[in-house]
Amino acid sequence: MKRVFIFILAVSTFLQSCRYKTQDHVKEGVVPTTKEAVIQLDSLNKADTSIRSFIGLTTTDIDLSKMHECLGVMLSENALKDKYALAQYSAIIDHCQHGQSKFVIERFLRHDANGRSVFLIVDELDVVANYPAICFGNFRLAIEDDREENYIVAFYNNDSEKITQISRIWRIDLEKEKFVEISKPKDLILTNPDYVESDEDPAFTFPLTGEKALDFIVDPTVFEIQYETKGDLNADGLSDIVMVRRDKTNKMAIRSILVLLQNKDKSYRLDKISNLLMPVEFNKDGSKIYGTEDINIVNGELHLNFYGLAGVQGNIWGHFKYFGDDLVLTYVETYNVGAGSWQSLYYDVVKGELTEEITDTTKEEMPVKTKIFKMKKEKYLFENSSLDGVMEASYKIVNNN
């Protein structure tokens, strides 16, 4: 009788699929709050993640390099005294599913002065994804000696419930701190982490109309309004609402931003939804990523402001404005402080113009150097944009000039 291995998802199991989603990204952060961030600029060359080895670097080094973290999850091995994490890094967000990236095993080292976990990279696995033909995922399976362990699997994502076309498998051997490639069991079948029986998740199927903001959160026993702001967004003289919905039961869950336009009878209609713009609030060790977050409607524009924590994350601000029926990104600004310099980026999306200012803090007069780059004019819609994703292309242009 042929033995068939079928992977069944348990409550504690983490799946990372090749179809990258923002909510899969769980980055390191710090608990205290501040309105400045300290970042060493250009500490790693991001041109090609497969050329430069990350082994021996710490997660602090990686954070300073502005690499994109596609994946970050703690690995559970009760028999081991050390704590480990699995991460996936790429130069830009698109390479998570289309291009080069690295999976790395990280061993916990210490907490830094701000209480943030620091990990040492002990091994790496270079991969090249091309969704859906070549995908890479983290699965917890019982293949060898019937002991459940973590594996990286390369597979073809056919968007069906079961994954049967598997090309390669690596065991994450935490005792040896190595990725170990193993022979693929002949009849291995996995549950597809991207597969859903219906096209809509009930938790993200929002009411189309309501009398107040609370009417749109779906289930008040699970969800709550984290932030709310009011103002006229679409220039019709009525006061609209923008709210952030948060899952009270899972601090690493997706946060949705809802745009509710007011009707003449004072009721509201749901006009826009974004499940991408609000970043993950907490990292894999439970620390906050941004110290301060706020949303405001200012002069008919929606302003999203995220203030990083000192030594960890920079500040990023974004503005959205209605043009007809579209809510469009018009402006993004970032601010980072590093040893010996400050960097500010001002991206006028409408004009297609990026301005970089570098302040030399090593000199008493603190001179400022300014560069202006012409960008391809893009239209970033509220419902399918992320500020970090938009600015990754800007950092690439700056770093290459």
Protein backbone atom coordinates (compact mmCIF):
# COMPACT_ATOMS: atom_id res chain seq x y z
CA MET A 1 0.00 0.00 0.00
CA LYS A 2 1.32 3.39 -0.91
CA ARG A 3 1.89 5.74 1.95
CA VAL A 4 0.35 9.19 1.34
CA PHE A 5 1.55 12.12 3.42
CA ILE A 6 -1.23 14.66 3.91
CA PHE A 7 -0.44 17.90 5.73
CA ILE A 8 -3.27 19.08 7.98
CA LEU A 9 -3.19 22.63 9.33
CA ALA A 10 -3.16 22.89 13.11
CA VAL A 11 -4.06 25.97 15.12
CA SER A 12 -0.44 26.73 15.99
CA THR A 13 0.95 26.05 12.51
CA PHE A 14 2.18 28.95 10.37
CA LEU A 15 1.87 28.82 6.60
CA GLN A 16 3.73 31.15 4.30
CA SER A 17 2.72 30.91 0.69
CA CYS A 18 4.30 32.22 -2.48
CA ARG A 19 1.35 34.55 -2.96
CA TYR A 20 2.74 37.31 -0.77
CA LYS A 21 0.34 39.31 1.36
CA THR A 22 1.17 42.25 3.58
CA GLN A 23 -0.22 40.56 6.66
CA ASP A 24 2.42 37.81 6.34
CA HIS A 25 5.11 40.33 7.02
CA VAL A 26 5.82 40.47 10.79
CA LYS A 27 8.76 42.72 11.47
CA GLU A 28 10.80 43.47 14.60
CA GLY A 29 9.87 46.51 16.68
CA VAL A 30 10.31 48.25 20.03
CA VAL A 31 7.99 49.00 22.93
CA PRO A 32 8.76 52.69 23.85
CA THR A 33 7.28 55.48 21.70
CA THR A 34 9.08 58.39 20.09
CA LYS A 35 8.71 60.59 17.01
CA GLU A 36 12.22 60.00 15.67
CA ALA A 37 13.87 56.93 14.23
CA VAL A 38 17.55 56.09 14.04
CA ILE A 39 18.62 54.07 11.02
CA GLN A 40 22.04 53.44 9.57
CA LEU A 41 21.69 54.16 5.87
CA ASP A 42 23.03 51.95 3.07
CA SER A 43 24.71 49.42 5.38
CA LEU A 44 24.06 46.60 2.90
CA ASN A 45 23.97 46.51 -0.88
CA LYS A 46 20.43 45.48 -1.80
CA ALA A 47 21.12 44.86 -5.47
CA ASP A 48 21.20 41.08 -5.23
CA THR A 49 20.24 39.11 -2.13
CA SER A 50 21.77 35.89 -3.46
CA ILE A 51 25.28 37.34 -3.90
CA ARG A 52 25.78 38.75 -0.41
CA SER A 53 25.73 36.24 2.43
CA PHE A 54 23.71 37.16 5.52
CA ILE A 55 25.25 34.47 7.74
CA GLY A 56 26.82 36.05 10.80
CA LEU A 57 24.74 39.23 10.52
CA THR A 58 22.12 40.16 13.07
CA THR A 59 18.54 41.22 12.48
CA THR A 60 19.66 44.71 13.47
CA ASP A 61 22.05 44.71 10.49
CA ILE A 62 19.24 43.57 8.20
CA ASP A 63 16.82 46.20 9.51
CA LEU A 64 19.34 48.93 8.80
CA SER A 65 19.76 47.73 5.22
CA LYS A 66 16.10 48.42 4.31
CA MET A 67 15.67 44.87 3.02
CA HIS A 68 12.04 43.81 2.68
CA GLU A 69 10.93 41.08 5.09
CA CYS A 70 8.47 38.78 3.30
CA LEU A 71 8.15 36.45 6.26
CA GLY A 72 8.93 36.45 9.97
CA VAL A 73 7.80 33.74 12.39
CA MET A 74 9.05 32.09 15.55
CA LEU A 75 9.90 28.38 15.29
CA SER A 76 8.73 26.05 18.04
CA GLU A 77 11.10 23.36 19.32
CA ASN A 78 10.46 22.59 22.99
CA ALA A 79 13.52 20.35 23.31
CA LEU A 80 15.95 23.14 22.43
CA LYS A 81 17.13 25.75 24.90
CA ASP A 82 17.70 28.39 22.23
CA LYS A 83 14.91 30.33 20.55
CA TYR A 84 14.78 30.40 16.76
CA ALA A 85 12.92 32.28 14.06
CA LEU A 86 12.49 31.84 10.32
CA ALA A 87 12.57 34.89 8.04
CA GLN A 88 12.53 35.58 4.32
CA TYR A 89 14.20 38.71 2.92
CA SER A 90 14.15 40.27 -0.53
CA ALA A 91 15.52 43.46 -2.04
CA ILE A 92 12.03 44.63 -3.04
CA ILE A 93 8.52 43.46 -2.20
CA ASP A 94 7.84 41.99 -5.65
CA HIS A 95 10.72 39.53 -5.29
CA CYS A 96 8.84 37.68 -2.54
CA GLN A 97 6.89 35.93 -5.28
CA HIS A 98 8.70 36.93 -8.48
CA GLY A 99 12.48 36.98 -8.06
CA GLN A 100 15.37 36.30 -5.71
CA SER A 101 15.05 36.13 -1.95
CA LYS A 102 16.63 34.43 1.06
CA PHE A 103 15.14 32.25 3.74
CA VAL A 104 17.23 32.49 6.92
CA ILE A 105 17.36 30.69 10.25
CA GLU A 106 17.75 33.17 13.11
CA ARG A 107 18.91 32.32 16.65
CA PHE A 108 17.88 34.62 19.50
CA LEU A 109 20.85 36.58 20.88
CA ARG A 110 19.60 39.19 23.31
CA HIS A 111 17.28 42.08 23.88
CA ASP A 112 18.70 45.48 22.99
CA ALA A 113 18.51 48.60 25.15
CA ASN A 114 14.97 49.27 23.92
CA GLY A 115 13.76 45.76 24.77
CA ARG A 116 13.73 44.62 21.16
CA SER A 117 14.75 41.05 20.28
CA VAL A 118 17.99 40.68 18.32
CA PHE A 119 18.63 37.48 16.35
CA LEU A 120 21.79 36.09 14.73
CA ILE A 121 21.50 34.63 11.23
CA VAL A 122 23.03 31.15 11.32
CA ASP A 123 22.08 29.76 7.90
CA GLU A 124 20.49 30.88 4.64
CA LEU A 125 18.73 29.41 1.63
CA ASP A 126 18.73 31.33 -1.66
CA VAL A 127 15.59 30.85 -3.74
CA VAL A 128 14.11 32.26 -6.94
CA ALA A 129 10.31 32.33 -7.05
CA ASN A 130 8.07 32.70 -10.07
CA TYR A 131 4.45 32.50 -8.92
CA PRO A 132 2.54 30.31 -9.62
CA ALA A 133 5.04 27.98 -11.34
CA ILE A 134 7.62 28.08 -8.54
CA CYS A 135 6.50 28.92 -5.01
CA PHE A 136 8.18 28.51 -1.65
CA GLY A 137 6.38 27.99 1.64
CA ASN A 138 6.99 27.16 5.28
CA PHE A 139 5.13 24.01 6.32
CA ARG A 140 5.15 22.03 9.55
CA LEU A 141 5.10 18.34 8.64
CA ALA A 142 5.73 14.89 10.11
CA ILE A 143 7.83 13.26 7.36
CA GLU A 144 10.94 11.81 8.98
CA ASP A 145 10.56 9.47 11.98
CA ASP A 146 6.97 10.74 12.28
CA ARG A 147 8.31 13.75 14.18
CA GLU A 148 6.70 17.08 13.32
CA GLU A 149 9.26 19.60 12.07
CA ASN A 150 9.45 22.76 9.97
CA TYR A 151 10.17 22.48 6.23
CA ILE A 152 10.66 24.82 3.29
CA VAL A 153 8.81 23.41 0.28
CA ALA A 154 9.12 24.40 -3.38
CA PHE A 155 5.86 23.74 -5.22
CA TYR A 156 3.54 24.64 -8.07
CA ASN A 157 0.52 26.60 -6.85
CA ASN A 158 -2.44 25.39 -8.86
CA ASP A 159 -5.00 27.29 -6.73
CA SER A 160 -6.69 24.04 -5.75
CA GLU A 161 -7.23 22.68 -2.25
CA LYS A 162 -4.33 20.21 -2.42
CA ILE A 163 -0.74 20.76 -3.55
CA THR A 164 0.60 17.72 -5.38
CA GLN A 165 3.35 19.14 -7.63
CA ILE A 166 6.28 19.49 -5.24
CA SER A 167 9.81 19.85 -6.56
CA ARG A 168 12.13 20.21 -3.54
CA ILE A 169 12.01 20.09 0.27
CA TRP A 170 14.41 21.38 2.93
CA ARG A 171 14.15 20.47 6.60
CA ILE A 172 14.85 23.32 9.02
CA ASP A 173 17.25 21.47 11.31
CA LEU A 174 17.48 23.61 14.43
CA GLU A 175 19.89 21.24 16.19
CA LYS A 176 22.44 21.71 13.41
CA GLU A 177 21.17 25.22 12.58
CA LYS A 178 21.00 24.29 8.91
CA PHE A 179 18.63 24.00 5.98
CA VAL A 180 18.96 20.32 4.99
CA GLU A 181 17.55 19.21 1.65
CA ILE A 182 15.81 15.84 1.82
CA SER A 183 14.40 13.46 -0.75
CA LYS A 184 10.81 14.24 -1.61
CA PRO A 185 8.36 11.53 -0.48
CA LYS A 186 6.77 10.07 -3.57
CA ASP A 187 3.13 10.76 -2.69
CA LEU A 188 3.42 13.86 -0.54
CA ILE A 189 0.26 16.00 -0.59
CA LEU A 190 -0.02 19.39 1.12
CA THR A 191 -2.93 21.63 1.95
CA ASN A 192 -2.74 24.82 -0.14
CA PRO A 193 -2.47 27.86 2.17
CA ASP A 194 -3.95 30.09 -0.55
CA TYR A 195 -7.02 27.98 -1.19
CA VAL A 196 -10.42 29.16 0.03
CA GLU A 197 -13.72 27.47 -0.69
CA SER A 198 -15.52 30.72 -1.35
CA ASP A 199 -14.36 33.94 -2.93
CA GLU A 200 -15.13 36.04 0.14
CA ASP A 201 -14.05 35.79 3.76
CA PRO A 202 -17.10 36.67 5.91
CA ALA A 203 -14.87 38.66 8.28
CA PHE A 204 -13.96 40.95 5.36
CA THR A 205 -17.42 41.16 3.80
CA PHE A 206 -18.54 44.53 5.06
CA PRO A 207 -22.05 46.06 5.10
CA LEU A 208 -22.61 48.49 2.24
CA THR A 209 -24.57 51.02 4.30
CA GLY A 210 -24.99 51.99 7.94
CA GLU A 211 -26.04 54.73 10.32
CA LYS A 212 -22.71 54.96 12.16
CA ALA A 213 -19.15 53.67 12.00
CA LEU A 214 -19.83 50.79 14.39
CA ASP A 215 -22.33 49.34 11.92
CA PHE A 216 -19.44 48.46 9.56
CA ILE A 217 -17.13 46.44 11.84
CA VAL A 218 -19.00 43.12 11.11
CA ASP A 219 -18.62 41.42 14.52
CA PRO A 220 -18.15 43.64 17.61
CA THR A 221 -17.17 40.63 19.72
CA VAL A 222 -14.07 40.21 17.54
CA PHE A 223 -13.40 43.62 15.98
CA GLU A 224 -13.15 47.19 17.25
CA ILE A 225 -12.55 50.66 15.84
CA GLN A 226 -8.92 51.52 16.57
CA TYR A 227 -8.78 54.94 14.86
CA GLU A 228 -11.49 57.18 13.45
CA THR A 229 -11.46 60.59 11.77
CA LYS A 230 -14.18 62.77 10.20
CA GLY A 231 -14.16 65.35 7.43
CA ASP A 232 -15.30 66.04 3.88
CA LEU A 233 -13.22 63.79 1.63
CA ASN A 234 -15.13 63.94 -1.66
CA ALA A 235 -15.97 67.67 -1.68
CA ASP A 236 -19.76 67.26 -1.45
CA GLY A 237 -20.12 69.32 1.73
CA LEU A 238 -20.89 66.30 3.93
CA SER A 239 -18.78 64.91 6.76
CA ASP A 240 -17.31 61.53 5.88
CA ILE A 241 -15.66 58.94 8.14
CA VAL A 242 -12.39 57.03 7.78
CA MET A 243 -11.87 54.28 10.34
CA VAL A 244 -9.35 51.55 11.11
CA ARG A 245 -10.82 48.22 12.16
CA ARG A 246 -8.68 46.02 14.41
CA ASP A 247 -9.08 42.39 15.49
CA LYS A 248 -9.25 42.36 19.30
CA THR A 249 -8.40 38.66 19.46
CA ASN A 250 -5.26 38.64 17.29
CA LYS A 251 -2.78 41.51 17.48
CA MET A 252 -0.98 40.28 14.33
CA ALA A 253 -4.14 40.18 12.20
CA ILE A 254 -4.88 42.39 9.19
CA ARG A 255 -6.14 45.87 9.99
CA SER A 256 -8.66 47.28 7.51
CA ILE A 257 -9.18 50.95 6.64
CA LEU A 258 -12.74 51.79 5.63
CA VAL A 259 -13.82 55.00 3.87
CA LEU A 260 -17.46 55.80 4.67
CA LEU A 261 -19.01 58.60 2.62
CA GLN A 262 -21.99 60.37 4.15
CA ASN A 263 -25.34 60.50 2.37
CA LYS A 264 -27.74 63.44 2.48
CA ASP A 265 -29.95 61.56 4.99
CA LYS A 266 -26.92 61.38 7.36
CA SER A 267 -26.42 57.66 6.79
CA TYR A 268 -23.12 56.31 5.39
CA ARG A 269 -22.14 54.16 2.42
CA LEU A 270 -18.97 52.08 2.22
CA ASP A 271 -16.89 53.48 -0.65
CA LYS A 272 -13.33 52.14 -0.21
CA ILE A 273 -11.58 49.36 1.70
CA SER A 274 -7.84 48.81 2.13
CA ASN A 275 -6.34 45.77 3.79
CA LEU A 276 -2.80 46.84 2.83
CA LEU A 277 -2.24 50.40 3.99
CA MET A 278 -2.20 49.74 7.73
CA PRO A 279 1.06 47.89 8.47
CA VAL A 280 1.22 44.97 10.86
CA GLU A 281 1.02 46.51 14.33
CA PHE A 282 3.23 44.06 16.24
CA ASN A 283 6.27 42.00 15.33
CA LYS A 284 6.93 38.33 15.96
CA ASP A 285 8.07 38.84 19.56
CA GLY A 286 5.06 41.01 20.44
CA SER A 287 6.70 44.46 20.28
CA LYS A 288 5.14 47.38 18.43
CA ILE A 289 6.66 48.42 15.12
CA TYR A 290 5.54 52.05 14.99
CA GLY A 291 5.45 54.12 18.15
CA THR A 292 2.68 56.45 16.99
CA GLU A 293 0.07 56.03 14.25
CA ASP A 294 -2.64 58.47 13.28
CA ILE A 295 -5.10 59.14 10.48
CA ASN A 296 -6.62 62.55 9.72
CA ILE A 297 -8.70 64.29 7.07
CA VAL A 298 -6.97 67.58 6.29
CA ASN A 299 -8.29 69.99 3.63
CA GLY A 300 -10.09 67.21 1.80
CA GLU A 301 -7.12 64.80 1.90
CA LEU A 302 -6.66 61.65 3.94
CA HIS A 303 -3.35 61.73 5.82
CA LEU A 304 -1.78 58.54 7.21
CA ASN A 305 1.14 59.11 9.59
CA PHE A 306 3.44 56.47 11.05
CA TYR A 307 6.22 57.49 13.45
CA GLY A 308 8.99 54.93 13.90
CA LEU A 309 10.68 53.86 17.09
CA ALA A 310 14.20 55.06 17.84
CA GLY A 311 16.86 52.84 16.30
CA VAL A 312 14.37 50.57 14.57
CA GLN A 313 11.99 52.08 12.07
CA GLY A 314 11.81 55.33 10.13
CA ASN A 315 8.84 57.67 9.82
CA ILE A 316 6.52 57.47 6.82
CA TRP A 317 3.57 59.67 5.87
CA GLY A 318 1.14 59.38 2.97
CA HIS A 319 -1.65 61.55 1.50
CA PHE A 320 -4.67 60.39 -0.52
CA LYS A 321 -7.14 62.52 -2.45
CA TYR A 322 -10.29 61.86 -4.46
CA PHE A 323 -10.07 62.36 -8.22
CA GLY A 324 -13.54 61.54 -9.47
CA ASP A 325 -14.48 58.19 -7.96
CA ASP A 326 -10.86 57.17 -7.28
CA LEU A 327 -9.06 57.78 -4.00
CA VAL A 328 -5.46 58.21 -5.18
CA LEU A 329 -2.06 58.49 -3.48
CA THR A 330 -0.64 61.98 -4.08
CA TYR A 331 2.33 62.27 -1.72
CA VAL A 332 4.67 60.16 0.40
CA GLU A 333 7.40 61.33 2.76
CA THR A 334 9.95 59.37 4.79
CA TYR A 335 12.44 60.46 7.43
CA ASN A 336 15.36 58.40 8.78
CA VAL A 337 18.17 59.32 11.16
CA GLY A 338 21.50 57.53 10.93
CA ALA A 339 24.97 57.85 12.37
CA GLY A 340 26.31 61.07 10.90
CA SER A 341 23.36 61.90 8.68
CA TRP A 342 19.63 62.44 8.36
CA GLN A 343 17.72 61.41 5.26
CA SER A 344 14.38 62.74 4.05
CA LEU A 345 12.57 61.62 0.90
CA TYR A 346 9.69 63.64 -0.58
CA TYR A 347 7.76 61.86 -3.32
CA ASP A 348 5.28 63.99 -5.26
CA VAL A 349 3.37 61.18 -6.94
CA VAL A 350 1.25 63.48 -9.08
CA LYS A 351 4.28 65.24 -10.58
CA GLY A 352 6.41 62.08 -10.67
CA GLU A 353 9.19 63.80 -8.73
CA LEU A 354 11.31 62.41 -5.89
CA THR A 355 13.46 64.72 -3.76
CA GLU A 356 16.19 63.42 -1.46
CA GLU A 357 17.73 65.56 1.29
CA ILE A 358 20.79 64.35 3.20
CA THR A 359 21.85 66.38 6.23
CA ASP A 360 25.48 65.93 7.32
CA THR A 361 25.31 66.02 11.13
CA THR A 362 29.08 65.52 11.54
CA LYS A 363 29.69 69.18 10.70
CA GLU A 364 28.72 72.11 12.85
CA GLU A 365 26.92 73.91 10.03
CA MET A 366 25.00 70.69 9.17
CA PRO A 367 25.02 71.17 5.38
CA VAL A 368 22.18 69.70 3.33
CA LYS A 369 22.62 68.02 -0.06
CA THR A 370 19.56 67.80 -2.28
CA LYS A 371 18.96 65.55 -5.27
CA ILE A 372 15.87 65.46 -7.47
CA PHE A 373 14.88 62.35 -9.42
CA LYS A 374 12.25 62.07 -12.11
CA MET A 375 9.94 59.12 -11.52
CA LYS A 376 7.57 57.36 -13.86
CA LYS A 377 4.10 58.75 -13.20
CA GLU A 378 2.03 56.11 -11.47
CA LYS A 379 -1.55 55.91 -10.23
CA TYR A 380 -1.65 54.25 -6.81
CA LEU A 381 -5.21 53.51 -5.70
CA PHE A 382 -6.16 53.51 -2.03
CA GLU A 383 -7.52 49.97 -2.09
CA ASN A 384 -4.43 48.21 -3.47
CA SER A 385 -1.42 50.30 -2.36
CA SER A 386 0.98 50.19 0.57
CA LEU A 387 3.23 53.10 1.51
CA ASP A 388 6.24 50.85 2.12
CA GLY A 389 5.71 49.15 -1.22
CA VAL A 390 5.54 52.47 -3.06
CA MET A 391 8.71 53.76 -1.40
CA GLU A 392 10.77 50.61 -2.03
CA ALA A 393 11.10 51.64 -5.67
CA SER A 394 12.20 55.10 -4.52
CA TYR A 395 14.91 53.70 -2.24
CA LYS A 396 16.18 51.57 -5.09
CA ILE A 397 16.53 54.64 -7.34
CA VAL A 398 18.27 56.64 -4.60
CA ASN A 399 20.66 53.84 -3.68
CA ASN A 400 21.68 53.31 -7.32
CA ASN A 401 22.55 56.99 -7.88
